[in-house]
PDB file of N, CA and C in Angstrom:
ATOM      1  N   MET A   1       0.842  -1.161   0.000  1.00  0.00           N
ATOM      2  CA  MET A   1       0.000   0.000   0.000  1.00  0.00           C
ATOM      3  C   MET A   1       0.894   1.232   0.000  1.00  0.00           C
ATOM      4  N   LYS A   2       0.523   2.228  -0.779  1.00  0.00           N
ATOM      5  CA  LYS A   2       1.301   3.457  -0.852  1.00  0.00           C
ATOM      6  C   LYS A   2       0.510   4.592  -0.227  1.00  0.00           C
ATOM      7  N   TYR A   3       1.127   5.327   0.678  1.00  0.00           N
ATOM      8  CA  TYR A   3       0.508   6.504   1.267  1.00  0.00           C
ATOM      9  C   TYR A   3       1.231   7.729   0.761  1.00  0.00           C
ATOM     10  N   ASP A   4       0.490   8.643   0.233  1.00  0.00           N
ATOM     11  CA  ASP A   4       1.011   9.946  -0.162  1.00  0.00           C
ATOM     12  C   ASP A   4       0.226  10.933   0.698  1.00  0.00           C
ATOM     13  N   GLY A   5       0.717  11.179   1.925  1.00  0.00           N
ATOM     14  CA  GLY A   5      -0.130  11.791   2.931  1.00  0.00           C
ATOM     15  C   GLY A   5      -1.113  10.714   3.339  1.00  0.00           C
ATOM     16  N   PHE A   6      -2.394  10.966   3.267  1.00  0.00           N
ATOM     17  CA  PHE A   6      -3.398   9.951   3.532  1.00  0.00           C
ATOM     18  C   PHE A   6      -4.186   9.639   2.266  1.00  0.00           C
ATOM     19  N   ILE A   7      -3.551   9.768   1.107  1.00  0.00           N
ATOM     20  CA  ILE A   7      -4.201   9.393  -0.146  1.00  0.00           C
ATOM     21  C   ILE A   7      -4.030   7.888  -0.316  1.00  0.00           C
ATOM     22  N   LEU A   8      -5.145   7.185  -0.381  1.00  0.00           N
ATOM     23  CA  LEU A   8      -5.125   5.737  -0.447  1.00  0.00           C
ATOM     24  C   LEU A   8      -5.179   5.290  -1.900  1.00  0.00           C
ATOM     25  N   LYS A   9      -4.191   4.507  -2.317  1.00  0.00           N
ATOM     26  CA  LYS A   9      -4.076   4.174  -3.732  1.00  0.00           C
ATOM     27  C   LYS A   9      -4.071   2.684  -4.040  1.00  0.00           C
ATOM     28  N   GLN A  10      -4.145   1.821  -3.049  1.00  0.00           N
ATOM     29  CA  GLN A  10      -4.070   0.394  -3.313  1.00  0.00           C
ATOM     30  C   GLN A  10      -5.398  -0.120  -3.846  1.00  0.00           C
ATOM     31  N   PRO A  11      -5.391  -0.857  -4.968  1.00  0.00           N
ATOM     32  CA  PRO A  11      -6.650  -1.450  -5.420  1.00  0.00           C
ATOM     33  C   PRO A  11      -7.093  -2.535  -4.444  1.00  0.00           C
ATOM     34  N   GLY A  12      -8.382  -2.796  -4.368  1.00  0.00           N
ATOM     35  CA  GLY A  12      -8.889  -3.795  -3.440  1.00  0.00           C
ATOM     36  C   GLY A  12      -9.151  -3.175  -2.089  1.00  0.00           C
ATOM     37  N   GLY A  13      -8.954  -3.951  -1.020  1.00  0.00           N
ATOM     38  CA  GLY A  13      -9.213  -3.452   0.336  1.00  0.00           C
ATOM     39  C   GLY A  13      -8.170  -2.465   0.797  1.00  0.00           C
ATOM     40  N   PHE A  14      -8.620  -1.401   1.380  1.00  0.00           N
ATOM     41  CA  PHE A  14      -7.745  -0.345   1.884  1.00  0.00           C
ATOM     42  C   PHE A  14      -7.693  -0.404   3.401  1.00  0.00           C
ATOM     43  N   PHE A  15      -6.544  -0.126   3.972  1.00  0.00           N
ATOM     44  CA  PHE A  15      -6.400   0.100   5.405  1.00  0.00           C
ATOM     45  C   PHE A  15      -5.699   1.426   5.592  1.00  0.00           C
ATOM     46  N   ALA A  16      -6.324   2.345   6.294  1.00  0.00           N
ATOM     47  CA  ALA A  16      -5.723   3.646   6.578  1.00  0.00           C
ATOM     48  C   ALA A  16      -4.821   3.518   7.800  1.00  0.00           C
ATOM     49  N   PRO A  17      -3.905   4.455   7.997  1.00  0.00           N
ATOM     50  CA  PRO A  17      -3.089   4.444   9.218  1.00  0.00           C
ATOM     51  C   PRO A  17      -3.979   4.551  10.457  1.00  0.00           C
ATOM     52  N   ASP A  18      -3.500   4.008  11.578  1.00  0.00           N
ATOM     53  CA  ASP A  18      -4.241   4.113  12.834  1.00  0.00           C
ATOM     54  C   ASP A  18      -4.491   5.574  13.184  1.00  0.00           C
ATOM     55  N   LYS A  19      -5.583   5.805  13.916  1.00  0.00           N
ATOM     56  CA  LYS A  19      -5.985   7.169  14.257  1.00  0.00           C
ATOM     57  C   LYS A  19      -6.358   7.241  15.732  1.00  0.00           C
ATOM     58  N   TYR A  20      -5.984   8.325  16.378  1.00  0.00           N
ATOM     59  CA  TYR A  20      -6.427   8.604  17.744  1.00  0.00           C
ATOM     60  C   TYR A  20      -7.795   9.276  17.686  1.00  0.00           C
ATOM     61  N   PRO A  21      -8.662   9.061  18.705  1.00  0.00           N
ATOM     62  CA  PRO A  21      -9.999   9.668  18.675  1.00  0.00           C
ATOM     63  C   PRO A  21      -9.977  11.187  18.542  1.00  0.00           C
ATOM     64  N   GLU A  22      -8.985  11.840  19.145  1.00  0.00           N
ATOM     65  CA  GLU A  22      -8.927  13.301  19.133  1.00  0.00           C
ATOM     66  C   GLU A  22      -8.426  13.871  17.808  1.00  0.00           C
ATOM     67  N   ALA A  23      -7.794  13.036  17.004  1.00  0.00           N
ATOM     68  CA  ALA A  23      -7.217  13.513  15.742  1.00  0.00           C
ATOM     69  C   ALA A  23      -8.328  13.865  14.746  1.00  0.00           C
ATOM     70  N   ASN A  24      -8.126  14.939  14.005  1.00  0.00           N
ATOM     71  CA  ASN A  24      -9.005  15.338  12.910  1.00  0.00           C
ATOM     72  C   ASN A  24      -8.143  15.283  11.653  1.00  0.00           C
ATOM     73  N   LEU A  25      -8.294  14.203  10.889  1.00  0.00           N
ATOM     74  CA  LEU A  25      -7.392  13.928   9.769  1.00  0.00           C
ATOM     75  C   LEU A  25      -8.156  13.761   8.468  1.00  0.00           C
ATOM     76  N   ASP A  26      -7.473  14.097   7.366  1.00  0.00           N
ATOM     77  CA  ASP A  26      -8.062  13.938   6.038  1.00  0.00           C
ATOM     78  C   ASP A  26      -7.637  12.606   5.429  1.00  0.00           C
ATOM     79  N   TYR A  27      -8.603  11.955   4.765  1.00  0.00           N
ATOM     80  CA  TYR A  27      -8.394  10.692   4.071  1.00  0.00           C
ATOM     81  C   TYR A  27      -8.958  10.860   2.667  1.00  0.00           C
ATOM     82  N   SER A  28      -8.180  10.474   1.676  1.00  0.00           N
ATOM     83  CA  SER A  28      -8.604  10.646   0.284  1.00  0.00           C
ATOM     84  C   SER A  28      -8.495   9.330  -0.471  1.00  0.00           C
ATOM     85  N   ILE A  29      -9.397   9.141  -1.414  1.00  0.00           N
ATOM     86  CA  ILE A  29      -9.316   8.015  -2.343  1.00  0.00           C
ATOM     87  C   ILE A  29      -9.030   8.586  -3.719  1.00  0.00           C
ATOM     88  N   ASP A  30      -7.965   8.088  -4.302  1.00  0.00           N
ATOM     89  CA  ASP A  30      -7.560   8.493  -5.649  1.00  0.00           C
ATOM     90  C   ASP A  30      -8.250   7.562  -6.645  1.00  0.00           C
ATOM     91  N   TRP A  31      -9.239   8.087  -7.358  1.00  0.00           N
ATOM     92  CA  TRP A  31     -10.026   7.316  -8.305  1.00  0.00           C
ATOM     93  C   TRP A  31      -9.460   7.369  -9.730  1.00  0.00           C
ATOM     94  N   SER A  32      -8.346   8.025  -9.956  1.00  0.00           N
ATOM     95  CA  SER A  32      -7.870   8.330 -11.304  1.00  0.00           C
ATOM     96  C   SER A  32      -7.688   7.090 -12.178  1.00  0.00           C
ATOM     97  N   GLN A  33      -7.142   5.998 -11.648  1.00  0.00           N
ATOM     98  CA  GLN A  33      -6.944   4.807 -12.488  1.00  0.00           C
ATOM     99  C   GLN A  33      -8.273   4.193 -12.891  1.00  0.00           C
ATOM    100  N   TRP A  34      -9.234   4.143 -11.973  1.00  0.00           N
ATOM    101  CA  TRP A  34     -10.531   3.566 -12.294  1.00  0.00           C
ATOM    102  C   TRP A  34     -11.313   4.453 -13.259  1.00  0.00           C
ATOM    103  N   LEU A  35     -11.196   5.755 -13.121  1.00  0.00           N
ATOM    104  CA  LEU A  35     -11.971   6.693 -13.935  1.00  0.00           C
ATOM    105  C   LEU A  35     -11.542   6.734 -15.396  1.00  0.00           C
ATOM    106  N   GLY A  36     -10.267   6.541 -15.678  1.00  0.00           N
ATOM    107  CA  GLY A  36      -9.788   6.737 -17.042  1.00  0.00           C
ATOM    108  C   GLY A  36     -10.003   8.187 -17.443  1.00  0.00           C
ATOM    109  N   ALA A  37     -10.723   8.418 -18.529  1.00  0.00           N
ATOM    110  CA  ALA A  37     -10.983   9.785 -19.011  1.00  0.00           C
ATOM    111  C   ALA A  37     -12.212  10.409 -18.357  1.00  0.00           C
ATOM    112  N   ASP A  38     -12.975   9.630 -17.580  1.00  0.00           N
ATOM    113  CA  ASP A  38     -14.165  10.129 -16.898  1.00  0.00           C
ATOM    114  C   ASP A  38     -13.742  10.971 -15.684  1.00  0.00           C
ATOM    115  N   THR A  39     -14.678  11.682 -15.070  1.00  0.00           N
ATOM    116  CA  THR A  39     -14.382  12.505 -13.894  1.00  0.00           C
ATOM    117  C   THR A  39     -15.462  12.316 -12.834  1.00  0.00           C
ATOM    118  N   ILE A  40     -15.139  12.681 -11.598  1.00  0.00           N
ATOM    119  CA  ILE A  40     -16.097  12.617 -10.495  1.00  0.00           C
ATOM    120  C   ILE A  40     -17.046  13.815 -10.597  1.00  0.00           C
ATOM    121  N   ALA A  41     -18.344  13.521 -10.666  1.00  0.00           N
ATOM    122  CA  ALA A  41     -19.355  14.583 -10.666  1.00  0.00           C
ATOM    123  C   ALA A  41     -19.902  14.809  -9.253  1.00  0.00           C
ATOM    124  N   ALA A  42     -19.972  13.733  -8.448  1.00  0.00           N
ATOM    125  CA  ALA A  42     -20.467  13.825  -7.073  1.00  0.00           C
ATOM    126  C   ALA A  42     -19.797  12.754  -6.230  1.00  0.00           C
ATOM    127  N   SER A  43     -19.626  13.061  -4.947  1.00  0.00           N
ATOM    128  CA  SER A  43     -19.014  12.130  -4.004  1.00  0.00           C
ATOM    129  C   SER A  43     -19.786  12.187  -2.701  1.00  0.00           C
ATOM    130  N   ALA A  44     -20.078  11.015  -2.107  1.00  0.00           N
ATOM    131  CA  ALA A  44     -20.760  10.937  -0.817  1.00  0.00           C
ATOM    132  C   ALA A  44     -20.040   9.902   0.042  1.00  0.00           C
ATOM    133  N   TRP A  45     -20.081  10.105   1.348  1.00  0.00           N
ATOM    134  CA  TRP A  45     -19.390   9.226   2.292  1.00  0.00           C
ATOM    135  C   TRP A  45     -20.389   8.617   3.264  1.00  0.00           C
ATOM    136  N   GLU A  46     -20.227   7.319   3.565  1.00  0.00           N
ATOM    137  CA  GLU A  46     -20.976   6.653   4.634  1.00  0.00           C
ATOM    138  C   GLU A  46     -20.017   6.510   5.804  1.00  0.00           C
ATOM    139  N   ILE A  47     -20.339   7.190   6.910  1.00  0.00           N
ATOM    140  CA  ILE A  47     -19.473   7.258   8.077  1.00  0.00           C
ATOM    141  C   ILE A  47     -20.205   6.619   9.259  1.00  0.00           C
ATOM    142  N   PRO A  48     -19.590   5.611   9.944  1.00  0.00           N
ATOM    143  CA  PRO A  48     -20.235   5.022  11.120  1.00  0.00           C
ATOM    144  C   PRO A  48     -20.478   6.067  12.208  1.00  0.00           C
ATOM    145  N   GLY A  49     -21.489   5.840  13.043  1.00  0.00           N
ATOM    146  CA  GLY A  49     -21.959   6.811  14.024  1.00  0.00           C
ATOM    147  C   GLY A  49     -20.949   7.322  15.024  1.00  0.00           C
ATOM    148  N   ASP A  50     -19.937   6.535  15.390  1.00  0.00           N
ATOM    149  CA  ASP A  50     -18.959   6.992  16.379  1.00  0.00           C
ATOM    150  C   ASP A  50     -17.917   7.933  15.791  1.00  0.00           C
ATOM    151  N   LEU A  51     -17.851   8.021  14.475  1.00  0.00           N
ATOM    152  CA  LEU A  51     -16.935   8.940  13.800  1.00  0.00           C
ATOM    153  C   LEU A  51     -17.718  10.139  13.300  1.00  0.00           C
ATOM    154  N   THR A  52     -17.031  11.254  13.120  1.00  0.00           N
ATOM    155  CA  THR A  52     -17.659  12.459  12.594  1.00  0.00           C
ATOM    156  C   THR A  52     -16.892  12.922  11.368  1.00  0.00           C
ATOM    157  N   ALA A  53     -17.615  13.186  10.289  1.00  0.00           N
ATOM    158  CA  ALA A  53     -17.015  13.792   9.098  1.00  0.00           C
ATOM    159  C   ALA A  53     -17.123  15.304   9.265  1.00  0.00           C
ATOM    160  N   SER A  54     -15.979  15.956   9.469  1.00  0.00           N
ATOM    161  CA  SER A  54     -16.011  17.400   9.680  1.00  0.00           C
ATOM    162  C   SER A  54     -15.965  18.183   8.376  1.00  0.00           C
ATOM    163  N   GLN A  55     -15.554  17.517   7.294  1.00  0.00           N
ATOM    164  CA  GLN A  55     -15.483  18.185   5.992  1.00  0.00           C
ATOM    165  C   GLN A  55     -15.407  17.125   4.898  1.00  0.00           C
ATOM    166  N   GLU A  56     -16.030  17.394   3.750  1.00  0.00           N
ATOM    167  CA  GLU A  56     -15.973  16.512   2.580  1.00  0.00           C
ATOM    168  C   GLU A  56     -15.725  17.368   1.351  1.00  0.00           C
ATOM    169  N   SER A  57     -14.946  16.838   0.408  1.00  0.00           N
ATOM    170  CA  SER A  57     -14.708  17.549  -0.847  1.00  0.00           C
ATOM    171  C   SER A  57     -14.275  16.553  -1.910  1.00  0.00           C
ATOM    172  N   ASN A  58     -14.263  17.023  -3.149  1.00  0.00           N
ATOM    173  CA  ASN A  58     -13.718  16.197  -4.230  1.00  0.00           C
ATOM    174  C   ASN A  58     -13.212  17.081  -5.361  1.00  0.00           C
ATOM    175  N   THR A  59     -12.282  16.507  -6.112  1.00  0.00           N
ATOM    176  CA  THR A  59     -11.820  17.104  -7.360  1.00  0.00           C
ATOM    177  C   THR A  59     -12.328  16.194  -8.474  1.00  0.00           C
ATOM    178  N   ALA A  60     -11.807  16.343  -9.658  1.00  0.00           N
ATOM    179  CA  ALA A  60     -12.217  15.500 -10.780  1.00  0.00           C
ATOM    180  C   ALA A  60     -11.808  14.043 -10.587  1.00  0.00           C
ATOM    181  N   THR A  61     -10.783  13.781  -9.756  1.00  0.00           N
ATOM    182  CA  THR A  61     -10.276  12.405  -9.592  1.00  0.00           C
ATOM    183  C   THR A  61     -10.051  11.974  -8.145  1.00  0.00           C
ATOM    184  N   LEU A  62     -10.251  12.862  -7.180  1.00  0.00           N
ATOM    185  CA  LEU A  62      -9.909  12.580  -5.793  1.00  0.00           C
ATOM    186  C   LEU A  62     -11.082  12.936  -4.882  1.00  0.00           C
ATOM    187  N   ALA A  63     -11.478  12.005  -3.986  1.00  0.00           N
ATOM    188  CA  ALA A  63     -12.537  12.246  -3.013  1.00  0.00           C
ATOM    189  C   ALA A  63     -11.898  12.286  -1.625  1.00  0.00           C
ATOM    190  N   THR A  64     -12.239  13.299  -0.821  1.00  0.00           N
ATOM    191  CA  THR A  64     -11.600  13.505   0.471  1.00  0.00           C
ATOM    192  C   THR A  64     -12.642  13.698   1.566  1.00  0.00           C
ATOM    193  N   VAL A  65     -12.359  13.110   2.735  1.00  0.00           N
ATOM    194  CA  VAL A  65     -13.182  13.301   3.926  1.00  0.00           C
ATOM    195  C   VAL A  65     -12.244  13.543   5.108  1.00  0.00           C
ATOM    196  N   TRP A  66     -12.646  14.444   5.999  1.00  0.00           N
ATOM    197  CA  TRP A  66     -11.925  14.706   7.250  1.00  0.00           C
ATOM    198  C   TRP A  66     -12.688  13.987   8.353  1.00  0.00           C
ATOM    199  N   LEU A  67     -11.982  13.163   9.155  1.00  0.00           N
ATOM    200  CA  LEU A  67     -12.620  12.365  10.199  1.00  0.00           C
ATOM    201  C   LEU A  67     -12.052  12.691  11.570  1.00  0.00           C
ATOM    202  N   THR A  68     -12.953  12.710  12.545  1.00  0.00           N
ATOM    203  CA  THR A  68     -12.567  12.857  13.941  1.00  0.00           C
ATOM    204  C   THR A  68     -13.421  11.905  14.770  1.00  0.00           C
ATOM    205  N   GLY A  69     -12.976  11.611  15.990  1.00  0.00           N
ATOM    206  CA  GLY A  69     -13.740  10.746  16.879  1.00  0.00           C
ATOM    207  C   GLY A  69     -13.383   9.283  16.740  1.00  0.00           C
ATOM    208  N   GLY A  70     -14.295   8.445  17.196  1.00  0.00           N
ATOM    209  CA  GLY A  70     -14.088   7.005  17.194  1.00  0.00           C
ATOM    210  C   GLY A  70     -13.810   6.488  18.591  1.00  0.00           C
ATOM    211  N   ILE A  71     -13.982   5.191  18.786  1.00  0.00           N
ATOM    212  CA  ILE A  71     -13.773   4.535  20.073  1.00  0.00           C
ATOM    213  C   ILE A  71     -12.515   3.675  19.982  1.00  0.00           C
ATOM    214  N   PRO A  72     -11.549   3.877  20.902  1.00  0.00           N
ATOM    215  CA  PRO A  72     -10.313   3.095  20.867  1.00  0.00           C
ATOM    216  C   PRO A  72     -10.582   1.594  20.831  1.00  0.00           C
ATOM    217  N   GLY A  73      -9.823   0.900  19.987  1.00  0.00           N
ATOM    218  CA  GLY A  73      -9.947  -0.541  19.830  1.00  0.00           C
ATOM    219  C   GLY A  73     -10.901  -0.970  18.731  1.00  0.00           C
ATOM    220  N   ARG A  74     -11.705  -0.063  18.218  1.00  0.00           N
ATOM    221  CA  ARG A  74     -12.659  -0.414  17.149  1.00  0.00           C
ATOM    222  C   ARG A  74     -12.053  -0.164  15.771  1.00  0.00           C
ATOM    223  N   VAL A  75     -12.516  -0.973  14.830  1.00  0.00           N
ATOM    224  CA  VAL A  75     -12.150  -0.802  13.420  1.00  0.00           C
ATOM    225  C   VAL A  75     -13.419  -0.403  12.680  1.00  0.00           C
ATOM    226  N   TYR A  76     -13.336   0.672  11.917  1.00  0.00           N
ATOM    227  CA  TYR A  76     -14.486   1.212  11.197  1.00  0.00           C
ATOM    228  C   TYR A  76     -14.289   1.078   9.694  1.00  0.00           C
ATOM    229  N   THR A  77     -15.365   0.786   8.998  1.00  0.00           N
ATOM    230  CA  THR A  77     -15.351   0.764   7.537  1.00  0.00           C
ATOM    231  C   THR A  77     -15.999   2.044   7.034  1.00  0.00           C
ATOM    232  N   ILE A  78     -15.252   2.770   6.217  1.00  0.00           N
ATOM    233  CA  ILE A  78     -15.705   4.029   5.625  1.00  0.00           C
ATOM    234  C   ILE A  78     -15.963   3.754   4.144  1.00  0.00           C
ATOM    235  N   ILE A  79     -17.098   4.196   3.631  1.00  0.00           N
ATOM    236  CA  ILE A  79     -17.452   3.948   2.227  1.00  0.00           C
ATOM    237  C   ILE A  79     -17.574   5.270   1.481  1.00  0.00           C
ATOM    238  N   ASN A  80     -16.933   5.333   0.322  1.00  0.00           N
ATOM    239  CA  ASN A  80     -17.064   6.485  -0.568  1.00  0.00           C
ATOM    240  C   ASN A  80     -17.808   6.029  -1.820  1.00  0.00           C
ATOM    241  N   ARG A  81     -18.885   6.733  -2.156  1.00  0.00           N
ATOM    242  CA  ARG A  81     -19.646   6.452  -3.381  1.00  0.00           C
ATOM    243  C   ARG A  81     -19.513   7.661  -4.293  1.00  0.00           C
ATOM    244  N   ILE A  82     -19.028   7.402  -5.496  1.00  0.00           N
ATOM    245  CA  ILE A  82     -18.937   8.484  -6.474  1.00  0.00           C
ATOM    246  C   ILE A  82     -19.914   8.245  -7.615  1.00  0.00           C
ATOM    247  N   THR A  83     -20.330   9.338  -8.209  1.00  0.00           N
ATOM    248  CA  THR A  83     -21.071   9.324  -9.463  1.00  0.00           C
ATOM    249  C   THR A  83     -20.217  10.103 -10.441  1.00  0.00           C
ATOM    250  N   THR A  84     -20.024   9.531 -11.632  1.00  0.00           N
ATOM    251  CA  THR A  84     -19.152  10.173 -12.603  1.00  0.00           C
ATOM    252  C   THR A  84     -19.942  11.039 -13.575  1.00  0.00           C
ATOM    253  N   ALA A  85     -19.231  11.838 -14.318  1.00  0.00           N
ATOM    254  CA  ALA A  85     -19.852  12.689 -15.332  1.00  0.00           C
ATOM    255  C   ALA A  85     -20.588  11.846 -16.375  1.00  0.00           C
ATOM    256  N   ALA A  86     -20.109  10.627 -16.610  1.00  0.00           N
ATOM    257  CA  ALA A  86     -20.745   9.728 -17.577  1.00  0.00           C
ATOM    258  C   ALA A  86     -21.919   8.953 -16.966  1.00  0.00           C
ATOM    259  N   GLY A  87     -22.173   9.136 -15.649  1.00  0.00           N
ATOM    260  CA  GLY A  87     -23.308   8.484 -15.009  1.00  0.00           C
ATOM    261  C   GLY A  87     -22.982   7.169 -14.318  1.00  0.00           C
ATOM    262  N   ARG A  88     -21.720   6.759 -14.291  1.00  0.00           N
ATOM    263  CA  ARG A  88     -21.356   5.536 -13.578  1.00  0.00           C
ATOM    264  C   ARG A  88     -21.384   5.804 -12.073  1.00  0.00           C
ATOM    265  N   VAL A  89     -21.749   4.779 -11.299  1.00  0.00           N
ATOM    266  CA  VAL A  89     -21.746   4.868  -9.839  1.00  0.00           C
ATOM    267  C   VAL A  89     -20.871   3.736  -9.317  1.00  0.00           C
ATOM    268  N   GLN A  90     -19.969   4.079  -8.391  1.00  0.00           N
ATOM    269  CA  GLN A  90     -19.053   3.070  -7.854  1.00  0.00           C
ATOM    270  C   GLN A  90     -18.766   3.383  -6.395  1.00  0.00           C
ATOM    271  N   ASP A  91     -18.607   2.315  -5.591  1.00  0.00           N
ATOM    272  CA  ASP A  91     -18.240   2.431  -4.182  1.00  0.00           C
ATOM    273  C   ASP A  91     -16.822   1.933  -3.982  1.00  0.00           C
ATOM    274  N   GLN A  92     -16.139   2.518  -2.995  1.00  0.00           N
ATOM    275  CA  GLN A  92     -14.847   2.023  -2.533  1.00  0.00           C
ATOM    276  C   GLN A  92     -14.813   2.237  -1.031  1.00  0.00           C
ATOM    277  N   SER A  93     -14.323   1.252  -0.307  1.00  0.00           N
ATOM    278  CA  SER A  93     -14.261   1.385   1.145  1.00  0.00           C
ATOM    279  C   SER A  93     -12.836   1.274   1.638  1.00  0.00           C
ATOM    280  N   PHE A  94     -12.619   1.778   2.835  1.00  0.00           N
ATOM    281  CA  PHE A  94     -11.366   1.551   3.534  1.00  0.00           C
ATOM    282  C   PHE A  94     -11.682   1.392   5.008  1.00  0.00           C
ATOM    283  N   GLN A  95     -10.742   0.790   5.728  1.00  0.00           N
ATOM    284  CA  GLN A  95     -10.921   0.596   7.153  1.00  0.00           C
ATOM    285  C   GLN A  95      -9.924   1.439   7.920  1.00  0.00           C
ATOM    286  N   ILE A  96     -10.366   1.870   9.089  1.00  0.00           N
ATOM    287  CA  ILE A  96      -9.511   2.674   9.962  1.00  0.00           C
ATOM    288  C   ILE A  96      -9.671   2.143  11.388  1.00  0.00           C
ATOM    289  N   ARG A  97      -8.540   1.956  12.061  1.00  0.00           N
ATOM    290  CA  ARG A  97      -8.549   1.472  13.434  1.00  0.00           C
ATOM    291  C   ARG A  97      -8.247   2.649  14.380  1.00  0.00           C
ATOM    292  N   ILE A  98      -9.051   2.738  15.433  1.00  0.00           N
ATOM    293  CA  ILE A  98      -8.861   3.792  16.418  1.00  0.00           C
ATOM    294  C   ILE A  98      -7.982   3.228  17.543  1.00  0.00           C
ATOM    295  N   ILE A  99      -6.935   3.960  17.894  1.00  0.00           N
ATOM    296  CA  ILE A  99      -6.011   3.500  18.946  1.00  0.00           C
ATOM    297  C   ILE A  99      -6.077   4.418  20.145  1.00  0.00           C
TER     298      ILE A  99
END
């Protein structure tokens, strides 16, 4: 897995770096390889209840969410759903462990 900051680029299952509950950190999914010439028109995040999304944004190829909170010892699955300019819809998830 390659981390460029918190940009997650591994195909398949993603694991983000461990996070403390007090930390407010940004996590991004780089969709550029999957998109090809298409672009992100909309991005939405499914965040479990113990975590808080303090900010969400996207560019043409990158979807980003800022997360805070969580309960130590738990592993959470975060889901990003994008809709492309061509009308395709795709989900990608990653997991984050709270320490």
